[in-house]
Amino acid sequence: MSCAICGGSESGTLFDIPYLRPFRVDRCSTCGVAVTVPALDVKEISRYYPSTYYGKGGRKFIRLIESLVHLSRLRRAQRIQRYAPQGRILDVGCGGRTYFLESLHDLGWEVYGNELTDFPEFKELEGRGFRFQIRDFLACEYPEKTFDAVVFWHVLEHLPRTVEAVRKARGMLRTGGMLVLALPNRSSLQALWAGPHWFHLDIPRHYYHFTLETMKDLLIRQGFEIFYVSHFSFEQDLFAWIQSIYNKMGIRHNLLYNLLRNRHARIYAMSPALILQSLIVLSLLPAVGLASVILFFVDIVRRRGGSMEIYARKTAHGPNP
């Protein structure tokens, strides 16, 4: 089948996923984007988003981690404020954790959200002037040039029709409006080192795995001008090193991540064998944590962090063929 990003017809396998067969990751020989194979349809992929995936009451993690998440959402809103004036903003795949939306609202933005799931938290926010559409993003009904900014924060890689999503977002933006993307960086040091054990791979929920170069090329061809790129994220990258190291050691995949989630959001139940592995994880944490801090700073120096943030503006000319 042809590549959904560039139309290329040739690809090769990067690696199989040993802990989740029969999945593998292939790479397009033309544009370089990597894809999850097989790509599941809407009904099949829903099995990988159980109710525990979102947590309860918009809370996924233990209290300390939730406090750090809250702070990171505030800093994210402040970064957006730095590059765009107050106006109308759409957060695609906003989720039930409303810290980010509320921070934008407090900064003076008119806030819109899009999600597939109607979270209870949305009702309260709608009473305060927030607006939501609960449907597939490609089915959203907003007039053209409605927004001053559209945000895909670790969402675009979850969408099977990526190019169409970027094109639709462009139509919703006024000329000069800002598109904000955050997504894993497949060309990062941790991705290249960990391979199929990389924390940010997230098979099969991630349909696509972009490098900075492939993402830039897609945006430019769709009529955007990139004006700022961040190559690392403290929120994402330090933990990704820690968990990827454990994954590559042969510990149950993403076990530490599961332990840090609260009891309503655990991905899998703890067995005696996993309790023993958990003790091993905790005993090794000082050493693994120190190694991860060193690697995190190497990422910063080499500008090869495990995640990337891209800020782009809609140009006056349309998408390139």
C-alpha atoms as a PDB file:
ATOM      1  CA  MET A   1       0.000   0.000   0.000  1.00  0.00           C
ATOM      2  CA  SER A   2       1.148   3.565  -0.651  1.00  0.00           C
ATOM      3  CA  CYS A   3       2.417   5.800   2.153  1.00  0.00           C
ATOM      4  CA  ALA A   4      -0.398   7.951   3.562  1.00  0.00           C
ATOM      5  CA  ILE A   5       2.032  10.831   4.104  1.00  0.00           C
ATOM      6  CA  CYS A   6       3.829  11.080   0.746  1.00  0.00           C
ATOM      7  CA  GLY A   7       2.259   8.444  -1.516  1.00  0.00           C
ATOM      8  CA  GLY A   8       5.494   6.429  -1.784  1.00  0.00           C
ATOM      9  CA  SER A   9       5.120   2.721  -2.578  1.00  0.00           C
ATOM     10  CA  GLU A  10       8.246   1.197  -1.007  1.00  0.00           C
ATOM     11  CA  SER A  11       8.963   0.508   2.659  1.00  0.00           C
ATOM     12  CA  GLY A  12      11.110  -1.657   4.910  1.00  0.00           C
ATOM     13  CA  THR A  13      10.701  -3.027   8.414  1.00  0.00           C
ATOM     14  CA  LEU A  14      12.582  -1.207  11.186  1.00  0.00           C
ATOM     15  CA  PHE A  15      11.777  -3.731  13.926  1.00  0.00           C
ATOM     16  CA  ASP A  16       9.160  -6.082  15.294  1.00  0.00           C
ATOM     17  CA  ILE A  17       7.493  -5.429  18.666  1.00  0.00           C
ATOM     18  CA  PRO A  18       8.529  -8.458  20.756  1.00  0.00           C
ATOM     19  CA  TYR A  19       6.132  -7.798  23.647  1.00  0.00           C
ATOM     20  CA  LEU A  20       3.077  -7.164  21.455  1.00  0.00           C
ATOM     21  CA  ARG A  21       2.962  -9.390  18.408  1.00  0.00           C
ATOM     22  CA  PRO A  22       2.097  -9.250  15.522  1.00  0.00           C
ATOM     23  CA  PHE A  23       2.849  -5.520  15.487  1.00  0.00           C
ATOM     24  CA  ARG A  24       5.930  -4.066  13.832  1.00  0.00           C
ATOM     25  CA  VAL A  25       7.210  -0.664  12.715  1.00  0.00           C
ATOM     26  CA  ASP A  26       7.924  -0.035   9.022  1.00  0.00           C
ATOM     27  CA  ARG A  27       9.632   2.952   7.402  1.00  0.00           C
ATOM     28  CA  CYS A  28       8.647   4.605   4.119  1.00  0.00           C
ATOM     29  CA  SER A  29      11.613   4.572   1.743  1.00  0.00           C
ATOM     30  CA  THR A  30      10.507   7.858   0.141  1.00  0.00           C
ATOM     31  CA  CYS A  31       9.713  10.298   2.982  1.00  0.00           C
ATOM     32  CA  GLY A  32      11.182   8.421   5.953  1.00  0.00           C
ATOM     33  CA  VAL A  33       8.078   8.406   8.146  1.00  0.00           C
ATOM     34  CA  ALA A  34       7.630   5.245  10.229  1.00  0.00           C
ATOM     35  CA  VAL A  35       4.258   3.549  10.631  1.00  0.00           C
ATOM     36  CA  THR A  36       2.717   0.933  12.905  1.00  0.00           C
ATOM     37  CA  VAL A  37       1.758  -2.264  11.070  1.00  0.00           C
ATOM     38  CA  PRO A  38      -0.936  -3.475  11.131  1.00  0.00           C
ATOM     39  CA  ALA A  39      -2.821  -0.192  11.562  1.00  0.00           C
ATOM     40  CA  LEU A  40      -6.000  -0.919  13.507  1.00  0.00           C
ATOM     41  CA  ASP A  41      -9.398   0.463  12.531  1.00  0.00           C
ATOM     42  CA  VAL A  42     -11.579   2.500  14.891  1.00  0.00           C
ATOM     43  CA  LYS A  43     -13.312  -0.519  16.417  1.00  0.00           C
ATOM     44  CA  GLU A  44     -10.093  -2.470  16.942  1.00  0.00           C
ATOM     45  CA  ILE A  45      -8.074   0.418  18.394  1.00  0.00           C
ATOM     46  CA  SER A  46     -10.794   1.190  20.960  1.00  0.00           C
ATOM     47  CA  ARG A  47      -9.709  -1.952  22.859  1.00  0.00           C
ATOM     48  CA  TYR A  48      -6.430  -0.202  23.587  1.00  0.00           C
ATOM     49  CA  TYR A  49      -8.178   2.804  25.169  1.00  0.00           C
ATOM     50  CA  PRO A  50      -9.974   1.218  28.156  1.00  0.00           C
ATOM     51  CA  SER A  51     -11.662   3.429  30.753  1.00  0.00           C
ATOM     52  CA  THR A  52      -8.567   3.107  32.962  1.00  0.00           C
ATOM     53  CA  TYR A  53      -6.486   4.772  30.224  1.00  0.00           C
ATOM     54  CA  TYR A  54      -7.956   8.164  31.180  1.00  0.00           C
ATOM     55  CA  GLY A  55      -8.093   7.667  34.943  1.00  0.00           C
ATOM     56  CA  LYS A  56     -10.973   8.875  37.079  1.00  0.00           C
ATOM     57  CA  GLY A  57     -12.052  12.471  37.465  1.00  0.00           C
ATOM     58  CA  GLY A  58      -9.405  13.545  34.971  1.00  0.00           C
ATOM     59  CA  ARG A  59      -6.629  12.228  37.242  1.00  0.00           C
ATOM     60  CA  LYS A  60      -4.202   9.568  35.988  1.00  0.00           C
ATOM     61  CA  PHE A  61      -1.306   9.603  38.418  1.00  0.00           C
ATOM     62  CA  ILE A  62      -0.466   9.665  42.097  1.00  0.00           C
ATOM     63  CA  ARG A  63      -0.783  13.071  43.766  1.00  0.00           C
ATOM     64  CA  LEU A  64       2.840  14.198  43.418  1.00  0.00           C
ATOM     65  CA  ILE A  65       2.922  13.428  39.695  1.00  0.00           C
ATOM     66  CA  GLU A  66      -0.425  15.158  39.180  1.00  0.00           C
ATOM     67  CA  SER A  67       1.017  18.314  40.772  1.00  0.00           C
ATOM     68  CA  LEU A  68       3.902  18.235  38.296  1.00  0.00           C
ATOM     69  CA  VAL A  69       1.448  17.670  35.424  1.00  0.00           C
ATOM     70  CA  HIS A  70      -0.551  20.688  36.575  1.00  0.00           C
ATOM     71  CA  LEU A  71       2.586  22.849  36.550  1.00  0.00           C
ATOM     72  CA  SER A  72       3.606  21.615  33.092  1.00  0.00           C
ATOM     73  CA  ARG A  73       0.172  22.472  31.669  1.00  0.00           C
ATOM     74  CA  LEU A  74       0.463  26.008  33.021  1.00  0.00           C
ATOM     75  CA  ARG A  75       3.911  26.408  31.461  1.00  0.00           C
ATOM     76  CA  ARG A  76       2.564  25.075  28.150  1.00  0.00           C
ATOM     77  CA  ALA A  77      -0.190  27.711  28.113  1.00  0.00           C
ATOM     78  CA  GLN A  78       2.358  30.413  28.912  1.00  0.00           C
ATOM     79  CA  ARG A  79       4.564  29.309  25.992  1.00  0.00           C
ATOM     80  CA  ILE A  80       1.630  29.569  23.604  1.00  0.00           C
ATOM     81  CA  GLN A  81       0.844  33.016  24.996  1.00  0.00           C
ATOM     82  CA  ARG A  82       4.416  34.042  24.205  1.00  0.00           C
ATOM     83  CA  TYR A  83       4.014  33.342  20.479  1.00  0.00           C
ATOM     84  CA  ALA A  84       0.389  34.324  19.808  1.00  0.00           C
ATOM     85  CA  PRO A  85      -1.913  37.100  20.971  1.00  0.00           C
ATOM     86  CA  GLN A  86      -5.047  36.256  22.905  1.00  0.00           C
ATOM     87  CA  GLY A  87      -7.828  35.014  20.686  1.00  0.00           C
ATOM     88  CA  ARG A  88      -9.737  31.837  19.896  1.00  0.00           C
ATOM     89  CA  ILE A  89      -7.925  28.513  20.413  1.00  0.00           C
ATOM     90  CA  LEU A  90      -8.844  24.869  19.747  1.00  0.00           C
ATOM     91  CA  ASP A  91      -7.199  22.012  21.658  1.00  0.00           C
ATOM     92  CA  VAL A  92      -7.617  18.822  19.607  1.00  0.00           C
ATOM     93  CA  GLY A  93      -7.804  15.671  21.744  1.00  0.00           C
ATOM     94  CA  CYS A  94      -7.969  17.793  24.875  1.00  0.00           C
ATOM     95  CA  GLY A  95      -8.722  14.865  27.212  1.00  0.00           C
ATOM     96  CA  GLY A  96     -10.476  15.045  30.550  1.00  0.00           C
ATOM     97  CA  ARG A  97      -7.647  16.750  32.433  1.00  0.00           C
ATOM     98  CA  THR A  98      -8.636  20.386  32.106  1.00  0.00           C
ATOM     99  CA  TYR A  99      -5.530  22.098  33.554  1.00  0.00           C
ATOM    100  CA  PHE A 100      -4.330  23.289  30.159  1.00  0.00           C
ATOM    101  CA  LEU A 101      -7.728  24.583  29.006  1.00  0.00           C
ATOM    102  CA  GLU A 102      -8.301  26.439  32.272  1.00  0.00           C
ATOM    103  CA  SER A 103      -4.818  27.977  32.137  1.00  0.00           C
ATOM    104  CA  LEU A 104      -5.519  29.289  28.616  1.00  0.00           C
ATOM    105  CA  HIS A 105      -8.862  30.670  29.768  1.00  0.00           C
ATOM    106  CA  ASP A 106      -7.202  32.454  32.692  1.00  0.00           C
ATOM    107  CA  LEU A 107      -4.767  34.032  30.220  1.00  0.00           C
ATOM    108  CA  GLY A 108      -7.677  35.512  28.245  1.00  0.00           C
ATOM    109  CA  TRP A 109      -8.201  32.988  25.454  1.00  0.00           C
ATOM    110  CA  GLU A 110     -11.607  31.915  24.146  1.00  0.00           C
ATOM    111  CA  VAL A 111     -11.225  28.166  24.570  1.00  0.00           C
ATOM    112  CA  TYR A 112     -12.598  25.318  22.445  1.00  0.00           C
ATOM    113  CA  GLY A 113     -11.931  21.607  22.928  1.00  0.00           C
ATOM    114  CA  ASN A 114     -12.358  18.497  20.811  1.00  0.00           C
ATOM    115  CA  GLU A 115     -12.508  14.915  22.110  1.00  0.00           C
ATOM    116  CA  LEU A 116     -13.963  11.532  21.231  1.00  0.00           C
ATOM    117  CA  THR A 117     -15.058  10.996  24.855  1.00  0.00           C
ATOM    118  CA  ASP A 118     -17.501  13.263  26.692  1.00  0.00           C
ATOM    119  CA  PHE A 119     -15.817  13.691  30.069  1.00  0.00           C
ATOM    120  CA  PRO A 120     -17.932  14.869  33.054  1.00  0.00           C
ATOM    121  CA  GLU A 121     -15.507  17.767  33.597  1.00  0.00           C
ATOM    122  CA  PHE A 122     -16.686  19.357  30.338  1.00  0.00           C
ATOM    123  CA  LYS A 123     -20.133  20.187  31.729  1.00  0.00           C
ATOM    124  CA  GLU A 124     -18.736  22.449  34.401  1.00  0.00           C
ATOM    125  CA  LEU A 125     -16.431  24.188  31.935  1.00  0.00           C
ATOM    126  CA  GLU A 126     -19.256  24.771  29.455  1.00  0.00           C
ATOM    127  CA  GLY A 127     -21.030  26.710  32.175  1.00  0.00           C
ATOM    128  CA  ARG A 128     -17.983  28.994  32.281  1.00  0.00           C
ATOM    129  CA  GLY A 129     -17.982  29.649  28.521  1.00  0.00           C
ATOM    130  CA  PHE A 130     -15.808  26.800  27.237  1.00  0.00           C
ATOM    131  CA  ARG A 131     -17.023  25.027  24.084  1.00  0.00           C
ATOM    132  CA  PHE A 132     -16.570  21.373  23.123  1.00  0.00           C
ATOM    133  CA  GLN A 133     -17.293  19.129  20.161  1.00  0.00           C
ATOM    134  CA  ILE A 134     -17.387  15.440  21.059  1.00  0.00           C
ATOM    135  CA  ARG A 135     -16.564  13.698  17.784  1.00  0.00           C
ATOM    136  CA  ASP A 136     -13.763  12.685  15.468  1.00  0.00           C
ATOM    137  CA  PHE A 137     -11.680  15.762  14.666  1.00  0.00           C
ATOM    138  CA  LEU A 138     -12.219  15.350  10.920  1.00  0.00           C
ATOM    139  CA  ALA A 139     -15.984  15.535  11.557  1.00  0.00           C
ATOM    140  CA  CYS A 140     -15.785  18.763  13.591  1.00  0.00           C
ATOM    141  CA  GLU A 141     -17.983  21.551  12.267  1.00  0.00           C
ATOM    142  CA  TYR A 142     -16.140  24.837  12.607  1.00  0.00           C
ATOM    143  CA  PRO A 143     -16.223  27.503   9.887  1.00  0.00           C
ATOM    144  CA  GLU A 144     -13.014  28.281   8.047  1.00  0.00           C
ATOM    145  CA  LYS A 145     -10.660  30.811   9.654  1.00  0.00           C
ATOM    146  CA  THR A 146     -12.343  30.432  13.057  1.00  0.00           C
ATOM    147  CA  PHE A 147      -9.222  30.089  15.198  1.00  0.00           C
ATOM    148  CA  ASP A 148      -6.081  32.020  16.049  1.00  0.00           C
ATOM    149  CA  ALA A 149      -4.385  28.825  17.251  1.00  0.00           C
ATOM    150  CA  VAL A 150      -4.928  25.059  16.969  1.00  0.00           C
ATOM    151  CA  VAL A 151      -3.079  22.658  19.289  1.00  0.00           C
ATOM    152  CA  PHE A 152      -2.245  18.959  18.809  1.00  0.00           C
ATOM    153  CA  TRP A 153      -0.384  18.079  22.021  1.00  0.00           C
ATOM    154  CA  HIS A 154       0.806  14.480  21.685  1.00  0.00           C
ATOM    155  CA  VAL A 155      -2.330  13.794  19.652  1.00  0.00           C
ATOM    156  CA  LEU A 156      -1.370  13.881  15.957  1.00  0.00           C
ATOM    157  CA  GLU A 157       0.459  10.546  16.145  1.00  0.00           C
ATOM    158  CA  HIS A 158      -2.785   8.961  17.444  1.00  0.00           C
ATOM    159  CA  LEU A 159      -4.730   9.962  14.319  1.00  0.00           C
ATOM    160  CA  PRO A 160      -4.819   7.500  11.397  1.00  0.00           C
ATOM    161  CA  ARG A 161      -5.417  10.273   8.824  1.00  0.00           C
ATOM    162  CA  THR A 162      -2.624  12.635   9.784  1.00  0.00           C
ATOM    163  CA  VAL A 163      -2.339  14.655   6.584  1.00  0.00           C
ATOM    164  CA  GLU A 164      -6.086  15.266   6.479  1.00  0.00           C
ATOM    165  CA  ALA A 165      -5.992  16.401  10.120  1.00  0.00           C
ATOM    166  CA  VAL A 166      -3.228  18.940   9.424  1.00  0.00           C
ATOM    167  CA  ARG A 167      -5.076  20.143   6.320  1.00  0.00           C
ATOM    168  CA  LYS A 168      -8.328  20.541   8.257  1.00  0.00           C
ATOM    169  CA  ALA A 169      -6.541  22.459  11.016  1.00  0.00           C
ATOM    170  CA  ARG A 170      -5.094  24.800   8.386  1.00  0.00           C
ATOM    171  CA  GLY A 171      -8.569  25.531   7.056  1.00  0.00           C
ATOM    172  CA  MET A 172      -9.781  26.389  10.556  1.00  0.00           C
ATOM    173  CA  LEU A 173      -6.929  28.856  11.124  1.00  0.00           C
ATOM    174  CA  ARG A 174      -6.954  32.450  10.015  1.00  0.00           C
ATOM    175  CA  THR A 175      -4.003  33.476   7.819  1.00  0.00           C
ATOM    176  CA  GLY A 176      -1.070  33.899  10.181  1.00  0.00           C
ATOM    177  CA  GLY A 177      -2.741  31.702  12.783  1.00  0.00           C
ATOM    178  CA  MET A 178      -0.570  29.341  14.794  1.00  0.00           C
ATOM    179  CA  LEU A 179      -0.428  25.542  14.722  1.00  0.00           C
ATOM    180  CA  VAL A 180       1.170  23.981  17.819  1.00  0.00           C
ATOM    181  CA  LEU A 181       2.380  20.374  17.728  1.00  0.00           C
ATOM    182  CA  ALA A 182       4.043  18.199  20.334  1.00  0.00           C
ATOM    183  CA  LEU A 183       4.938  14.632  19.458  1.00  0.00           C
ATOM    184  CA  PRO A 184       7.644  11.989  19.997  1.00  0.00           C
ATOM    185  CA  ASN A 185      10.877  12.392  18.042  1.00  0.00           C
ATOM    186  CA  ARG A 186      11.847   9.141  16.317  1.00  0.00           C
ATOM    187  CA  SER A 187      15.312  10.496  15.504  1.00  0.00           C
ATOM    188  CA  SER A 188      16.066  11.168  19.188  1.00  0.00           C
ATOM    189  CA  LEU A 189      18.939   9.451  20.960  1.00  0.00           C
ATOM    190  CA  GLN A 190      16.607   7.513  23.239  1.00  0.00           C
ATOM    191  CA  ALA A 191      14.472   6.303  20.315  1.00  0.00           C
ATOM    192  CA  LEU A 192      17.514   5.102  18.361  1.00  0.00           C
ATOM    193  CA  TRP A 193      18.996   3.397  21.432  1.00  0.00           C
ATOM    194  CA  ALA A 194      15.825   1.749  22.789  1.00  0.00           C
ATOM    195  CA  GLY A 195      14.299   0.694  19.453  1.00  0.00           C
ATOM    196  CA  PRO A 196      11.125  -1.348  20.084  1.00  0.00           C
ATOM    197  CA  HIS A 197      11.495  -0.759  23.853  1.00  0.00           C
ATOM    198  CA  TRP A 198      11.251   3.046  23.593  1.00  0.00           C
ATOM    199  CA  PHE A 199       8.659   4.410  26.023  1.00  0.00           C
ATOM    200  CA  HIS A 200       7.223   6.910  23.512  1.00  0.00           C
ATOM    201  CA  LEU A 201       6.616   4.290  20.829  1.00  0.00           C
ATOM    202  CA  ASP A 202       3.201   3.441  22.373  1.00  0.00           C
ATOM    203  CA  ILE A 203       2.172   0.642  20.000  1.00  0.00           C
ATOM    204  CA  PRO A 204      -0.506   0.340  18.614  1.00  0.00           C
ATOM    205  CA  ARG A 205      -2.019   3.663  19.733  1.00  0.00           C
ATOM    206  CA  HIS A 206       0.546   5.626  17.722  1.00  0.00           C
ATOM    207  CA  TYR A 207      -0.097   5.177  14.016  1.00  0.00           C
ATOM    208  CA  TYR A 208       2.893   7.279  12.891  1.00  0.00           C
ATOM    209  CA  HIS A 209       6.391   7.888  14.229  1.00  0.00           C
ATOM    210  CA  PHE A 210       7.899  11.135  12.936  1.00  0.00           C
ATOM    211  CA  THR A 211      11.382  12.547  12.904  1.00  0.00           C
ATOM    212  CA  LEU A 212      11.725  16.322  13.088  1.00  0.00           C
ATOM    213  CA  GLU A 213      12.643  16.366   9.396  1.00  0.00           C
ATOM    214  CA  THR A 214       9.602  14.354   8.251  1.00  0.00           C
ATOM    215  CA  MET A 215       7.265  16.501  10.358  1.00  0.00           C
ATOM    216  CA  LYS A 216       8.760  19.723   9.032  1.00  0.00           C
ATOM    217  CA  ASP A 217       8.384  18.503   5.462  1.00  0.00           C
ATOM    218  CA  LEU A 218       4.735  17.600   6.016  1.00  0.00           C
ATOM    219  CA  LEU A 219       3.920  21.015   7.514  1.00  0.00           C
ATOM    220  CA  ILE A 220       5.702  22.996   4.805  1.00  0.00           C
ATOM    221  CA  ARG A 221       3.911  21.036   2.071  1.00  0.00           C
ATOM    222  CA  GLN A 222       0.594  21.762   3.797  1.00  0.00           C
ATOM    223  CA  GLY A 223       1.134  25.533   3.767  1.00  0.00           C
ATOM    224  CA  PHE A 224       2.785  26.284   7.111  1.00  0.00           C
ATOM    225  CA  GLU A 225       5.903  28.232   7.983  1.00  0.00           C
ATOM    226  CA  ILE A 226       7.790  26.880  11.009  1.00  0.00           C
ATOM    227  CA  PHE A 227       9.142  29.597  13.291  1.00  0.00           C
ATOM    228  CA  TYR A 228      10.117  27.794  16.507  1.00  0.00           C
ATOM    229  CA  VAL A 229      11.153  24.266  17.475  1.00  0.00           C
ATOM    230  CA  SER A 230      11.940  22.910  20.942  1.00  0.00           C
ATOM    231  CA  HIS A 231      13.968  19.698  20.949  1.00  0.00           C
ATOM    232  CA  PHE A 232      13.258  18.434  24.443  1.00  0.00           C
ATOM    233  CA  SER A 233      10.668  18.438  27.210  1.00  0.00           C
ATOM    234  CA  PHE A 234      11.413  18.007  30.912  1.00  0.00           C
ATOM    235  CA  GLU A 235       7.871  16.686  31.374  1.00  0.00           C
ATOM    236  CA  GLN A 236       8.334  13.954  28.750  1.00  0.00           C
ATOM    237  CA  ASP A 237      11.995  13.208  28.131  1.00  0.00           C
ATOM    238  CA  LEU A 238      13.550  12.499  31.519  1.00  0.00           C
ATOM    239  CA  PHE A 239      10.955   9.887  32.456  1.00  0.00           C
ATOM    240  CA  ALA A 240      11.113   8.413  28.944  1.00  0.00           C
ATOM    241  CA  TRP A 241      14.808   7.665  29.494  1.00  0.00           C
ATOM    242  CA  ILE A 242      14.103   6.014  32.861  1.00  0.00           C
ATOM    243  CA  GLN A 243      11.271   3.853  31.569  1.00  0.00           C
ATOM    244  CA  SER A 244      13.062   2.962  28.317  1.00  0.00           C
ATOM    245  CA  ILE A 245      16.088   1.718  30.276  1.00  0.00           C
ATOM    246  CA  TYR A 246      13.887  -0.541  32.380  1.00  0.00           C
ATOM    247  CA  ASN A 247      12.046  -1.759  29.275  1.00  0.00           C
ATOM    248  CA  LYS A 248      15.296  -2.686  27.574  1.00  0.00           C
ATOM    249  CA  MET A 249      16.452  -4.532  30.711  1.00  0.00           C
ATOM    250  CA  GLY A 250      13.566  -6.956  30.248  1.00  0.00           C
ATOM    251  CA  ILE A 251      11.376  -5.626  33.067  1.00  0.00           C
ATOM    252  CA  ARG A 252       7.637  -5.832  32.304  1.00  0.00           C
ATOM    253  CA  HIS A 253       6.978  -3.207  29.638  1.00  0.00           C
ATOM    254  CA  ASN A 254       6.225   0.216  31.174  1.00  0.00           C
ATOM    255  CA  LEU A 255       5.985  -1.211  34.693  1.00  0.00           C
ATOM    256  CA  LEU A 256       7.164   1.972  36.431  1.00  0.00           C
ATOM    257  CA  TYR A 257       4.657   3.997  34.418  1.00  0.00           C
ATOM    258  CA  ASN A 258       1.939   1.644  35.638  1.00  0.00           C
ATOM    259  CA  LEU A 259       3.083   2.031  39.259  1.00  0.00           C
ATOM    260  CA  LEU A 260       2.926   5.830  39.049  1.00  0.00           C
ATOM    261  CA  ARG A 261      -0.685   5.803  37.884  1.00  0.00           C
ATOM    262  CA  ASN A 262      -3.344   5.948  40.590  1.00  0.00           C
ATOM    263  CA  ARG A 263      -5.397   2.858  41.403  1.00  0.00           C
ATOM    264  CA  HIS A 264      -8.241   3.929  39.064  1.00  0.00           C
ATOM    265  CA  ALA A 265      -5.872   4.239  36.111  1.00  0.00           C
ATOM    266  CA  ARG A 266      -3.664   1.158  36.349  1.00  0.00           C
ATOM    267  CA  ILE A 267      -3.139  -0.435  32.946  1.00  0.00           C
ATOM    268  CA  TYR A 268      -2.790  -3.927  34.357  1.00  0.00           C
ATOM    269  CA  ALA A 269      -3.216  -5.617  37.750  1.00  0.00           C
ATOM    270  CA  MET A 270      -0.217  -6.494  39.894  1.00  0.00           C
ATOM    271  CA  SER A 271       0.683 -10.182  40.228  1.00  0.00           C
ATOM    272  CA  PRO A 272       3.265 -11.664  42.664  1.00  0.00           C
ATOM    273  CA  ALA A 273       5.796 -11.771  39.823  1.00  0.00           C
ATOM    274  CA  LEU A 274       5.195  -8.107  39.030  1.00  0.00           C
ATOM    275  CA  ILE A 275       5.467  -7.162  42.687  1.00  0.00           C
ATOM    276  CA  LEU A 276       8.925  -8.742  42.701  1.00  0.00           C
ATOM    277  CA  GLN A 277       9.851  -6.856  39.527  1.00  0.00           C
ATOM    278  CA  SER A 278       8.535  -3.661  41.127  1.00  0.00           C
ATOM    279  CA  LEU A 279      10.925  -4.111  44.040  1.00  0.00           C
ATOM    280  CA  ILE A 280      13.777  -4.515  41.553  1.00  0.00           C
ATOM    281  CA  VAL A 281      12.671  -1.348  39.736  1.00  0.00           C
ATOM    282  CA  LEU A 282      12.594   0.663  42.965  1.00  0.00           C
ATOM    283  CA  SER A 283      15.961  -0.677  44.168  1.00  0.00           C
ATOM    284  CA  LEU A 284      17.614   0.297  40.875  1.00  0.00           C
ATOM    285  CA  LEU A 285      15.895   3.686  40.625  1.00  0.00           C
ATOM    286  CA  PRO A 286      18.792   5.788  42.067  1.00  0.00           C
ATOM    287  CA  ALA A 287      21.234   4.363  39.496  1.00  0.00           C
ATOM    288  CA  VAL A 288      18.798   4.396  36.580  1.00  0.00           C
ATOM    289  CA  GLY A 289      17.633   7.888  37.545  1.00  0.00           C
ATOM    290  CA  LEU A 290      21.186   9.251  37.646  1.00  0.00           C
ATOM    291  CA  ALA A 291      22.005   7.701  34.268  1.00  0.00           C
ATOM    292  CA  SER A 292      18.805   9.181  32.835  1.00  0.00           C
ATOM    293  CA  VAL A 293      19.621  12.669  34.126  1.00  0.00           C
ATOM    294  CA  ILE A 294      23.030  12.497  32.416  1.00  0.00           C
ATOM    295  CA  LEU A 295      21.458  11.273  29.171  1.00  0.00           C
ATOM    296  CA  PHE A 296      18.786  13.968  29.413  1.00  0.00           C
ATOM    297  CA  PHE A 297      21.454  16.681  29.496  1.00  0.00           C
ATOM    298  CA  VAL A 298      23.249  15.017  26.573  1.00  0.00           C
ATOM    299  CA  ASP A 299      19.932  15.342  24.693  1.00  0.00           C
ATOM    300  CA  ILE A 300      19.835  19.049  25.499  1.00  0.00           C
ATOM    301  CA  VAL A 301      23.388  19.660  24.315  1.00  0.00           C
ATOM    302  CA  ARG A 302      22.919  17.652  21.108  1.00  0.00           C
ATOM    303  CA  ARG A 303      19.345  18.931  20.504  1.00  0.00           C
ATOM    304  CA  ARG A 304      18.072  15.360  20.147  1.00  0.00           C
ATOM    305  CA  GLY A 305      15.382  15.094  22.826  1.00  0.00           C
ATOM    306  CA  GLY A 306      12.788  12.327  22.844  1.00  0.00           C
ATOM    307  CA  SER A 307       9.955  14.737  22.119  1.00  0.00           C
ATOM    308  CA  MET A 308       9.629  17.832  19.963  1.00  0.00           C
ATOM    309  CA  GLU A 309       7.445  20.913  20.015  1.00  0.00           C
ATOM    310  CA  ILE A 310       6.819  22.667  16.719  1.00  0.00           C
ATOM    311  CA  TYR A 311       5.222  26.090  16.317  1.00  0.00           C
ATOM    312  CA  ALA A 312       4.159  27.068  12.789  1.00  0.00           C
ATOM    313  CA  ARG A 313       2.076  29.792  11.142  1.00  0.00           C
ATOM    314  CA  LYS A 314      -0.428  29.426   8.329  1.00  0.00           C
ATOM    315  CA  THR A 315       0.922  31.077   5.211  1.00  0.00           C
ATOM    316  CA  ALA A 316      -1.136  32.997   2.653  1.00  0.00           C
ATOM    317  CA  HIS A 317      -0.367  30.462  -0.094  1.00  0.00           C
ATOM    318  CA  GLY A 318      -2.059  27.083  -0.098  1.00  0.00           C
ATOM    319  CA  PRO A 319      -0.626  23.575   0.309  1.00  0.00           C
ATOM    320  CA  ASN A 320       1.973  22.383  -2.185  1.00  0.00           C
ATOM    321  CA  PRO A 321       1.121  19.430  -4.414  1.00  0.00           C
END
